[in-house]
Amino acid sequence: MSTIPIGILLKPTSRNRPAAEQVAQLARDRGWAVTSIGAATVSARVSPEQFRRDFGVEPQPLAPRPPGGRDFGRPGGYAAPESLPTPSELEPYVESIAITPPATRLGP
């Protein structure tokens, strides 16, 4: 089963280690797999089922793109509305939540 990478952008007042750790713990409490904690963001991965349940929208699969004339292609991934609804317990800390887009492999 594939998971969906999400980026959680912290509010400016929450861009400190204690607040970021609190957001990470709240995310873990929801069943999200926290993958990193940064100065302004927390990254996590969620299953498609969890995504639908927590955000109320269907994640749209993105097919991989093969290499082309300008780049080396892109792995598959997911898309959804630009900003997802923030669960109520995260609202005091979080500015926005979005799916992290798949990387584009750059070429010459």
C-alpha atoms as a PDB file:
ATOM      1  CA  MET A   1       0.000   0.000   0.000  1.00  0.00           C
ATOM      2  CA  SER A   2       1.394   3.400  -0.922  1.00  0.00           C
ATOM      3  CA  THR A   3       1.307   6.368   1.402  1.00  0.00           C
ATOM      4  CA  ILE A   4       0.716  10.037   0.721  1.00  0.00           C
ATOM      5  CA  PRO A   5       3.388  12.554   1.774  1.00  0.00           C
ATOM      6  CA  ILE A   6       2.023  15.683   3.439  1.00  0.00           C
ATOM      7  CA  GLY A   7       3.716  18.887   4.511  1.00  0.00           C
ATOM      8  CA  ILE A   8       2.440  20.699   7.582  1.00  0.00           C
ATOM      9  CA  LEU A   9       3.394  24.392   7.549  1.00  0.00           C
ATOM     10  CA  LEU A  10       3.593  25.841  11.038  1.00  0.00           C
ATOM     11  CA  LYS A  11       2.276  29.298  11.944  1.00  0.00           C
ATOM     12  CA  PRO A  12       5.072  31.832  12.523  1.00  0.00           C
ATOM     13  CA  THR A  13       4.346  31.743  16.286  1.00  0.00           C
ATOM     14  CA  SER A  14       4.823  27.951  16.240  1.00  0.00           C
ATOM     15  CA  ARG A  15       8.141  27.904  14.428  1.00  0.00           C
ATOM     16  CA  ASN A  16      10.091  26.716  17.423  1.00  0.00           C
ATOM     17  CA  ARG A  17      11.180  23.269  18.544  1.00  0.00           C
ATOM     18  CA  PRO A  18       8.633  22.754  21.359  1.00  0.00           C
ATOM     19  CA  ALA A  19       5.670  23.672  19.136  1.00  0.00           C
ATOM     20  CA  ALA A  20       6.985  21.569  16.232  1.00  0.00           C
ATOM     21  CA  GLU A  21       7.397  18.597  18.582  1.00  0.00           C
ATOM     22  CA  GLN A  22       3.816  19.138  19.837  1.00  0.00           C
ATOM     23  CA  VAL A  23       2.510  19.138  16.244  1.00  0.00           C
ATOM     24  CA  ALA A  24       4.496  15.974  15.507  1.00  0.00           C
ATOM     25  CA  GLN A  25       3.007  14.252  18.551  1.00  0.00           C
ATOM     26  CA  LEU A  26      -0.541  15.326  17.613  1.00  0.00           C
ATOM     27  CA  ALA A  27       0.082  14.007  14.094  1.00  0.00           C
ATOM     28  CA  ARG A  28       1.308  10.677  15.511  1.00  0.00           C
ATOM     29  CA  ASP A  29      -1.775  10.546  17.746  1.00  0.00           C
ATOM     30  CA  ARG A  30      -3.877  10.753  14.557  1.00  0.00           C
ATOM     31  CA  GLY A  31      -1.964   7.807  13.091  1.00  0.00           C
ATOM     32  CA  TRP A  32       0.217   9.835  10.732  1.00  0.00           C
ATOM     33  CA  ALA A  33       3.806   8.621  10.277  1.00  0.00           C
ATOM     34  CA  VAL A  34       5.974  11.667  10.993  1.00  0.00           C
ATOM     35  CA  THR A  35       9.050  11.594   8.763  1.00  0.00           C
ATOM     36  CA  SER A  36      10.802  14.841   9.729  1.00  0.00           C
ATOM     37  CA  ILE A  37      10.538  17.918  11.910  1.00  0.00           C
ATOM     38  CA  GLY A  38      12.031  21.152  10.603  1.00  0.00           C
ATOM     39  CA  ALA A  39      12.170  24.792  11.629  1.00  0.00           C
ATOM     40  CA  ALA A  40       8.897  25.691   9.887  1.00  0.00           C
ATOM     41  CA  THR A  41       7.384  22.372   8.805  1.00  0.00           C
ATOM     42  CA  VAL A  42       6.562  18.869   9.908  1.00  0.00           C
ATOM     43  CA  SER A  43       6.468  16.155   7.246  1.00  0.00           C
ATOM     44  CA  ALA A  44       4.383  13.017   7.494  1.00  0.00           C
ATOM     45  CA  ARG A  45       2.954  10.162   5.450  1.00  0.00           C
ATOM     46  CA  VAL A  46      -0.637   8.927   5.605  1.00  0.00           C
ATOM     47  CA  SER A  47      -2.483   6.056   3.971  1.00  0.00           C
ATOM     48  CA  PRO A  48      -5.089   6.929   1.328  1.00  0.00           C
ATOM     49  CA  GLU A  49      -7.812   5.737   3.743  1.00  0.00           C
ATOM     50  CA  GLN A  50      -6.519   7.963   6.550  1.00  0.00           C
ATOM     51  CA  PHE A  51      -6.224  10.852   4.091  1.00  0.00           C
ATOM     52  CA  ARG A  52      -9.888  10.521   3.061  1.00  0.00           C
ATOM     53  CA  ARG A  53     -10.996  10.202   6.677  1.00  0.00           C
ATOM     54  CA  ASP A  54      -8.967  13.163   7.993  1.00  0.00           C
ATOM     55  CA  PHE A  55      -9.348  15.602   5.099  1.00  0.00           C
ATOM     56  CA  GLY A  56     -12.681  14.608   3.551  1.00  0.00           C
ATOM     57  CA  VAL A  57     -11.338  14.606  -0.011  1.00  0.00           C
ATOM     58  CA  GLU A  58     -10.208  11.904  -2.379  1.00  0.00           C
ATOM     59  CA  PRO A  59      -6.466  11.948  -3.162  1.00  0.00           C
ATOM     60  CA  GLN A  60      -5.913  11.993  -6.923  1.00  0.00           C
ATOM     61  CA  PRO A  61      -3.171   9.619  -8.090  1.00  0.00           C
ATOM     62  CA  LEU A  62      -0.552  11.122 -10.399  1.00  0.00           C
ATOM     63  CA  ALA A  63       0.991   8.762 -12.919  1.00  0.00           C
ATOM     64  CA  PRO A  64       4.748   8.690 -13.274  1.00  0.00           C
ATOM     65  CA  ARG A  65       6.077  10.782 -16.150  1.00  0.00           C
ATOM     66  CA  PRO A  66       8.818   9.213 -18.263  1.00  0.00           C
ATOM     67  CA  PRO A  67      11.984  11.100 -19.137  1.00  0.00           C
ATOM     68  CA  GLY A  68      11.574  13.808 -21.749  1.00  0.00           C
ATOM     69  CA  GLY A  69      13.699  16.314 -23.617  1.00  0.00           C
ATOM     70  CA  ARG A  70      14.061  18.669 -20.651  1.00  0.00           C
ATOM     71  CA  ASP A  71      14.158  16.402 -17.604  1.00  0.00           C
ATOM     72  CA  PHE A  72      14.513  12.816 -16.401  1.00  0.00           C
ATOM     73  CA  GLY A  73      10.826  12.426 -15.579  1.00  0.00           C
ATOM     74  CA  ARG A  74       8.896  12.214 -12.351  1.00  0.00           C
ATOM     75  CA  PRO A  75       7.838   9.411 -10.047  1.00  0.00           C
ATOM     76  CA  GLY A  76       4.144   8.902  -9.406  1.00  0.00           C
ATOM     77  CA  GLY A  77       2.427  10.533  -6.472  1.00  0.00           C
ATOM     78  CA  TYR A  78      -0.791  12.204  -5.410  1.00  0.00           C
ATOM     79  CA  ALA A  79      -2.552  15.549  -5.745  1.00  0.00           C
ATOM     80  CA  ALA A  80      -5.399  17.224  -3.859  1.00  0.00           C
ATOM     81  CA  PRO A  81      -6.644  20.765  -3.268  1.00  0.00           C
ATOM     82  CA  GLU A  82      -3.801  23.195  -2.682  1.00  0.00           C
ATOM     83  CA  SER A  83      -4.550  23.495   1.038  1.00  0.00           C
ATOM     84  CA  LEU A  84      -6.255  20.768   3.038  1.00  0.00           C
ATOM     85  CA  PRO A  85      -8.539  21.362   6.034  1.00  0.00           C
ATOM     86  CA  THR A  86      -6.617  21.471   9.291  1.00  0.00           C
ATOM     87  CA  PRO A  87      -7.808  19.087  12.019  1.00  0.00           C
ATOM     88  CA  SER A  88      -9.087  21.096  14.998  1.00  0.00           C
ATOM     89  CA  GLU A  89      -6.385  20.002  17.465  1.00  0.00           C
ATOM     90  CA  LEU A  90      -3.690  21.261  15.061  1.00  0.00           C
ATOM     91  CA  GLU A  91      -5.327  24.643  14.326  1.00  0.00           C
ATOM     92  CA  PRO A  92      -3.493  26.573  17.077  1.00  0.00           C
ATOM     93  CA  TYR A  93      -0.139  25.613  15.511  1.00  0.00           C
ATOM     94  CA  VAL A  94      -0.691  25.034  11.792  1.00  0.00           C
ATOM     95  CA  GLU A  95      -0.926  27.532   8.948  1.00  0.00           C
ATOM     96  CA  SER A  96      -1.668  24.985   6.215  1.00  0.00           C
ATOM     97  CA  ILE A  97      -1.407  21.333   5.192  1.00  0.00           C
ATOM     98  CA  ALA A  98      -0.772  20.158   1.622  1.00  0.00           C
ATOM     99  CA  ILE A  99       0.310  17.079  -0.280  1.00  0.00           C
ATOM    100  CA  THR A 100       4.003  17.192  -1.052  1.00  0.00           C
ATOM    101  CA  PRO A 101       4.289  16.988  -4.865  1.00  0.00           C
ATOM    102  CA  PRO A 102       6.499  14.341  -6.457  1.00  0.00           C
ATOM    103  CA  ALA A 103       9.983  15.490  -7.364  1.00  0.00           C
ATOM    104  CA  THR A 104      10.903  16.326 -10.939  1.00  0.00           C
ATOM    105  CA  ARG A 105      14.186  14.746 -11.914  1.00  0.00           C
ATOM    106  CA  LEU A 106      16.199  17.437 -13.643  1.00  0.00           C
ATOM    107  CA  GLY A 107      18.241  16.784 -16.722  1.00  0.00           C
ATOM    108  CA  PRO A 108      20.945  18.558 -18.680  1.00  0.00           C
END
